[in-house]
C-alpha atoms as a PDB file:
ATOM      1  CA  MET A   1       0.000   0.000   0.000  1.00  0.00           C
ATOM      2  CA  LYS A   2       2.806   2.370   0.913  1.00  0.00           C
ATOM      3  CA  LYS A   3       4.526   1.582  -2.397  1.00  0.00           C
ATOM      4  CA  SER A   4       1.466   2.358  -4.494  1.00  0.00           C
ATOM      5  CA  LEU A   5       0.769   5.545  -2.517  1.00  0.00           C
ATOM      6  CA  LEU A   6       4.360   6.644  -3.095  1.00  0.00           C
ATOM      7  CA  SER A   7       4.055   5.842  -6.812  1.00  0.00           C
ATOM      8  CA  VAL A   8       0.852   7.867  -7.080  1.00  0.00           C
ATOM      9  CA  LEU A   9       2.456  10.765  -5.206  1.00  0.00           C
ATOM     10  CA  LEU A  10       5.502  10.731  -7.525  1.00  0.00           C
ATOM     11  CA  LEU A  11       3.230  10.597 -10.570  1.00  0.00           C
ATOM     12  CA  VAL A  12       1.239  13.611  -9.329  1.00  0.00           C
ATOM     13  CA  ILE A  13       4.440  15.548  -8.678  1.00  0.00           C
ATOM     14  CA  CYS A  14       5.825  14.725 -12.136  1.00  0.00           C
ATOM     15  CA  LEU A  15       2.601  15.716 -13.879  1.00  0.00           C
ATOM     16  CA  SER A  16       2.356  18.986 -11.979  1.00  0.00           C
ATOM     17  CA  CYS A  17       5.892  20.013 -12.959  1.00  0.00           C
ATOM     18  CA  LYS A  18       5.186  21.381 -16.413  1.00  0.00           C
ATOM     19  CA  GLU A  19       8.120  22.624 -18.384  1.00  0.00           C
ATOM     20  CA  GLU A  20       7.299  26.190 -19.349  1.00  0.00           C
ATOM     21  CA  ASN A  21       8.481  27.406 -22.697  1.00  0.00           C
ATOM     22  CA  PRO A  22      10.005  30.862 -22.452  1.00  0.00           C
ATOM     23  CA  ALA A  23       8.124  33.620 -24.245  1.00  0.00           C
ATOM     24  CA  PRO A  24       9.641  34.363 -27.656  1.00  0.00           C
ATOM     25  CA  SER A  25      11.827  37.448 -27.831  1.00  0.00           C
ATOM     26  CA  LYS A  26      10.806  40.441 -29.918  1.00  0.00           C
ATOM     27  CA  ALA A  27      13.505  39.482 -32.418  1.00  0.00           C
ATOM     28  CA  ASP A  28      12.026  35.962 -32.636  1.00  0.00           C
ATOM     29  CA  LEU A  29       8.561  37.409 -33.251  1.00  0.00           C
ATOM     30  CA  LEU A  30       9.830  39.811 -35.913  1.00  0.00           C
ATOM     31  CA  THR A  31      11.958  37.266 -37.774  1.00  0.00           C
ATOM     32  CA  GLY A  32       9.690  34.238 -37.363  1.00  0.00           C
ATOM     33  CA  LYS A  33       7.573  34.739 -40.504  1.00  0.00           C
ATOM     34  CA  VAL A  34       7.120  36.949 -43.536  1.00  0.00           C
ATOM     35  CA  TRP A  35       4.965  40.028 -42.837  1.00  0.00           C
ATOM     36  CA  LYS A  36       2.239  41.158 -45.253  1.00  0.00           C
ATOM     37  CA  TRP A  37       0.816  44.654 -45.221  1.00  0.00           C
ATOM     38  CA  ALA A  38      -2.775  44.578 -43.906  1.00  0.00           C
ATOM     39  CA  ALA A  39      -3.748  48.201 -43.135  1.00  0.00           C
ATOM     40  CA  GLY A  40      -2.400  51.729 -43.062  1.00  0.00           C
ATOM     41  CA  SER A  41      -3.306  55.340 -42.387  1.00  0.00           C
ATOM     42  CA  ILE A  42      -1.692  58.781 -42.491  1.00  0.00           C
ATOM     43  CA  SER A  43      -2.332  61.665 -40.121  1.00  0.00           C
ATOM     44  CA  PRO A  44      -2.820  64.469 -40.933  1.00  0.00           C
ATOM     45  CA  ALA A  45      -3.902  63.865 -44.531  1.00  0.00           C
ATOM     46  CA  TYR A  46      -0.992  63.982 -46.998  1.00  0.00           C
ATOM     47  CA  ASP A  47      -0.458  63.904 -50.771  1.00  0.00           C
ATOM     48  CA  ILE A  48       1.254  60.483 -50.601  1.00  0.00           C
ATOM     49  CA  PHE A  49       0.997  59.887 -54.359  1.00  0.00           C
ATOM     50  CA  GLY A  50       2.199  63.366 -55.369  1.00  0.00           C
ATOM     51  CA  ILE A  51      -0.896  64.016 -57.510  1.00  0.00           C
ATOM     52  CA  GLY A  52      -2.533  66.765 -55.463  1.00  0.00           C
ATOM     53  CA  VAL A  53      -4.959  64.456 -53.617  1.00  0.00           C
ATOM     54  CA  LEU A  54      -4.748  64.319 -49.831  1.00  0.00           C
ATOM     55  CA  VAL A  55      -4.973  60.840 -48.330  1.00  0.00           C
ATOM     56  CA  GLY A  56      -5.670  60.326 -44.651  1.00  0.00           C
ATOM     57  CA  ASP A  57      -7.292  57.745 -42.453  1.00  0.00           C
ATOM     58  CA  ASP A  58      -7.536  54.704 -44.702  1.00  0.00           C
ATOM     59  CA  TYR A  59      -4.342  54.870 -46.737  1.00  0.00           C
ATOM     60  CA  PHE A  60      -4.245  51.100 -47.402  1.00  0.00           C
ATOM     61  CA  THR A  61      -7.472  50.884 -49.418  1.00  0.00           C
ATOM     62  CA  ARG A  62      -6.397  53.835 -51.580  1.00  0.00           C
ATOM     63  CA  VAL A  63      -3.107  52.326 -52.772  1.00  0.00           C
ATOM     64  CA  PRO A  64      -2.942  50.264 -55.959  1.00  0.00           C
ATOM     65  CA  GLU A  65      -3.766  46.572 -55.533  1.00  0.00           C
ATOM     66  CA  CYS A  66      -0.197  45.698 -56.543  1.00  0.00           C
ATOM     67  CA  TRP A  67       1.059  47.385 -53.328  1.00  0.00           C
ATOM     68  CA  ARG A  68      -1.247  45.430 -51.039  1.00  0.00           C
ATOM     69  CA  ASP A  69       0.452  42.056 -51.529  1.00  0.00           C
ATOM     70  CA  ASP A  70       3.942  43.335 -50.694  1.00  0.00           C
ATOM     71  CA  ARG A  71       5.955  41.306 -48.176  1.00  0.00           C
ATOM     72  CA  TRP A  72       8.477  42.381 -45.559  1.00  0.00           C
ATOM     73  CA  THR A  73      11.026  39.852 -44.340  1.00  0.00           C
ATOM     74  CA  PHE A  74      13.308  40.439 -41.354  1.00  0.00           C
ATOM     75  CA  SER A  75      16.098  37.881 -40.919  1.00  0.00           C
ATOM     76  CA  THR A  76      17.983  36.865 -37.791  1.00  0.00           C
ATOM     77  CA  ALA A  77      21.113  38.149 -39.578  1.00  0.00           C
ATOM     78  CA  LYS A  78      19.606  41.684 -39.250  1.00  0.00           C
ATOM     79  CA  LYS A  79      18.817  41.951 -42.975  1.00  0.00           C
ATOM     80  CA  PHE A  80      15.446  42.931 -44.384  1.00  0.00           C
ATOM     81  CA  THR A  81      13.723  42.892 -47.755  1.00  0.00           C
ATOM     82  CA  HIS A  82      10.583  44.580 -49.015  1.00  0.00           C
ATOM     83  CA  ASP A  83       9.365  42.275 -51.757  1.00  0.00           C
ATOM     84  CA  GLU A  84       6.848  43.186 -54.481  1.00  0.00           C
ATOM     85  CA  GLY A  85       4.771  40.091 -53.719  1.00  0.00           C
ATOM     86  CA  ALA A  86       2.830  38.178 -56.353  1.00  0.00           C
ATOM     87  CA  SER A  87       1.885  41.255 -58.386  1.00  0.00           C
ATOM     88  CA  ARG A  88       4.245  44.026 -59.425  1.00  0.00           C
ATOM     89  CA  CYS A  89       2.990  47.462 -60.393  1.00  0.00           C
ATOM     90  CA  ASN A  90       5.514  47.617 -63.213  1.00  0.00           C
ATOM     91  CA  ILE A  91       6.699  44.333 -64.720  1.00  0.00           C
ATOM     92  CA  GLY A  92      10.126  45.923 -65.229  1.00  0.00           C
ATOM     93  CA  ASP A  93      10.568  46.561 -61.507  1.00  0.00           C
ATOM     94  CA  PRO A  94      12.798  44.192 -59.547  1.00  0.00           C
ATOM     95  CA  GLN A  95      11.077  41.670 -57.252  1.00  0.00           C
ATOM     96  CA  ILE A  96      13.004  43.011 -54.250  1.00  0.00           C
ATOM     97  CA  TYR A  97      11.776  46.595 -53.951  1.00  0.00           C
ATOM     98  CA  ILE A  98      13.920  47.663 -50.967  1.00  0.00           C
ATOM     99  CA  GLN A  99      16.580  45.853 -48.975  1.00  0.00           C
ATOM    100  CA  GLY A 100      18.973  46.689 -46.211  1.00  0.00           C
ATOM    101  CA  THR A 101      19.478  46.102 -42.507  1.00  0.00           C
ATOM    102  CA  TRP A 102      17.353  46.416 -39.397  1.00  0.00           C
ATOM    103  CA  ALA A 103      18.054  46.782 -35.684  1.00  0.00           C
ATOM    104  CA  PHE A 104      15.991  47.321 -32.579  1.00  0.00           C
ATOM    105  CA  GLU A 105      16.660  50.629 -30.856  1.00  0.00           C
ATOM    106  CA  PRO A 106      17.494  50.360 -27.116  1.00  0.00           C
ATOM    107  CA  GLY A 107      14.432  49.086 -25.246  1.00  0.00           C
ATOM    108  CA  GLU A 108      13.181  47.290 -28.371  1.00  0.00           C
ATOM    109  CA  ASN A 109      10.295  49.751 -28.769  1.00  0.00           C
ATOM    110  CA  SER A 110      11.402  50.895 -32.210  1.00  0.00           C
ATOM    111  CA  ILE A 111      13.111  49.427 -35.267  1.00  0.00           C
ATOM    112  CA  ARG A 112      15.717  51.351 -37.277  1.00  0.00           C
ATOM    113  CA  ILE A 113      15.618  50.294 -40.920  1.00  0.00           C
ATOM    114  CA  THR A 114      18.565  51.271 -43.100  1.00  0.00           C
ATOM    115  CA  LYS A 115      17.892  50.964 -46.810  1.00  0.00           C
ATOM    116  CA  ASP A 116      20.826  50.006 -49.017  1.00  0.00           C
ATOM    117  CA  GLY A 117      22.043  53.214 -50.614  1.00  0.00           C
ATOM    118  CA  SER A 118      19.027  55.382 -49.798  1.00  0.00           C
ATOM    119  CA  GLY A 119      18.729  56.413 -46.164  1.00  0.00           C
ATOM    120  CA  GLU A 120      16.904  55.095 -43.155  1.00  0.00           C
ATOM    121  CA  PHE A 121      13.715  55.404 -41.157  1.00  0.00           C
ATOM    122  CA  VAL A 122      12.484  54.387 -37.723  1.00  0.00           C
ATOM    123  CA  TRP A 123       9.308  52.479 -36.932  1.00  0.00           C
ATOM    124  CA  THR A 124       7.844  52.894 -33.451  1.00  0.00           C
ATOM    125  CA  VAL A 125       6.519  49.463 -32.464  1.00  0.00           C
ATOM    126  CA  ASN A 126       2.964  49.720 -31.119  1.00  0.00           C
ATOM    127  CA  GLU A 127       2.308  45.967 -31.181  1.00  0.00           C
ATOM    128  CA  LEU A 128       4.421  42.909 -31.926  1.00  0.00           C
ATOM    129  CA  THR A 129       2.939  39.445 -31.462  1.00  0.00           C
ATOM    130  CA  SER A 130       3.254  36.170 -33.322  1.00  0.00           C
ATOM    131  CA  THR A 131       0.471  37.307 -35.692  1.00  0.00           C
ATOM    132  CA  SER A 132       0.537  41.114 -35.677  1.00  0.00           C
ATOM    133  CA  LEU A 133       3.040  43.899 -36.238  1.00  0.00           C
ATOM    134  CA  VAL A 134       1.710  47.449 -35.825  1.00  0.00           C
ATOM    135  CA  VAL A 135       4.166  50.303 -36.316  1.00  0.00           C
ATOM    136  CA  ALA A 136       4.193  54.070 -36.815  1.00  0.00           C
ATOM    137  CA  GLU A 137       6.640  56.140 -38.838  1.00  0.00           C
ATOM    138  CA  THR A 138       6.854  59.921 -38.566  1.00  0.00           C
ATOM    139  CA  PHE A 139       8.365  62.436 -40.948  1.00  0.00           C
ATOM    140  CA  LYS A 140       8.418  66.205 -41.315  1.00  0.00           C
ATOM    141  CA  GLU A 141       7.723  68.189 -44.429  1.00  0.00           C
ATOM    142  CA  ASN A 142       7.325  71.953 -44.728  1.00  0.00           C
ATOM    143  CA  GLY A 143       7.285  72.307 -40.943  1.00  0.00           C
ATOM    144  CA  LYS A 144       4.467  69.792 -40.488  1.00  0.00           C
ATOM    145  CA  THR A 145       4.836  66.388 -38.799  1.00  0.00           C
ATOM    146  CA  TYR A 146       3.076  63.410 -40.380  1.00  0.00           C
ATOM    147  CA  THR A 147       2.540  59.929 -38.950  1.00  0.00           C
ATOM    148  CA  ILE A 148       2.073  56.867 -41.113  1.00  0.00           C
ATOM    149  CA  ASN A 149       0.625  53.820 -39.343  1.00  0.00           C
ATOM    150  CA  TYR A 150       1.202  50.371 -40.780  1.00  0.00           C
ATOM    151  CA  SER A 151      -0.356  47.077 -39.710  1.00  0.00           C
ATOM    152  CA  PHE A 152       1.100  43.768 -40.857  1.00  0.00           C
ATOM    153  CA  GLY A 153      -0.019  40.176 -40.504  1.00  0.00           C
ATOM    154  CA  HIS A 154       0.929  36.811 -41.989  1.00  0.00           C
END
């Protein structure tokens, strides 16, 4: 009886000792899968296309369909690519639209993206989960500050 009680007790102890998987790091979440653009907005309204038409809240639905399937890939080697996706706006354009390097800023609340040969920008990370990346990018033009919000999924 004592032996079976001891066996049951050991079994209960073993079953209650679950091995917890550590939460993935922000770098793991960012580099785990390819990100696809899902939504975007600009505030205040801005002439994003350079044609004299101000675009604001729902920037994503106003861009050409060939922009909406673009993919962003962040590698563990700190490289990134912005890929044209399945449809290109101009068949003569390269498949890789932008490439360069990325790095988290201290605190991992923003990502500095350096484009090969053409400058850099910073995304403030508002959300980063295994299924969602929500960022904001600000820029100034003619003394006015604009914020572009991007949402990505898989």
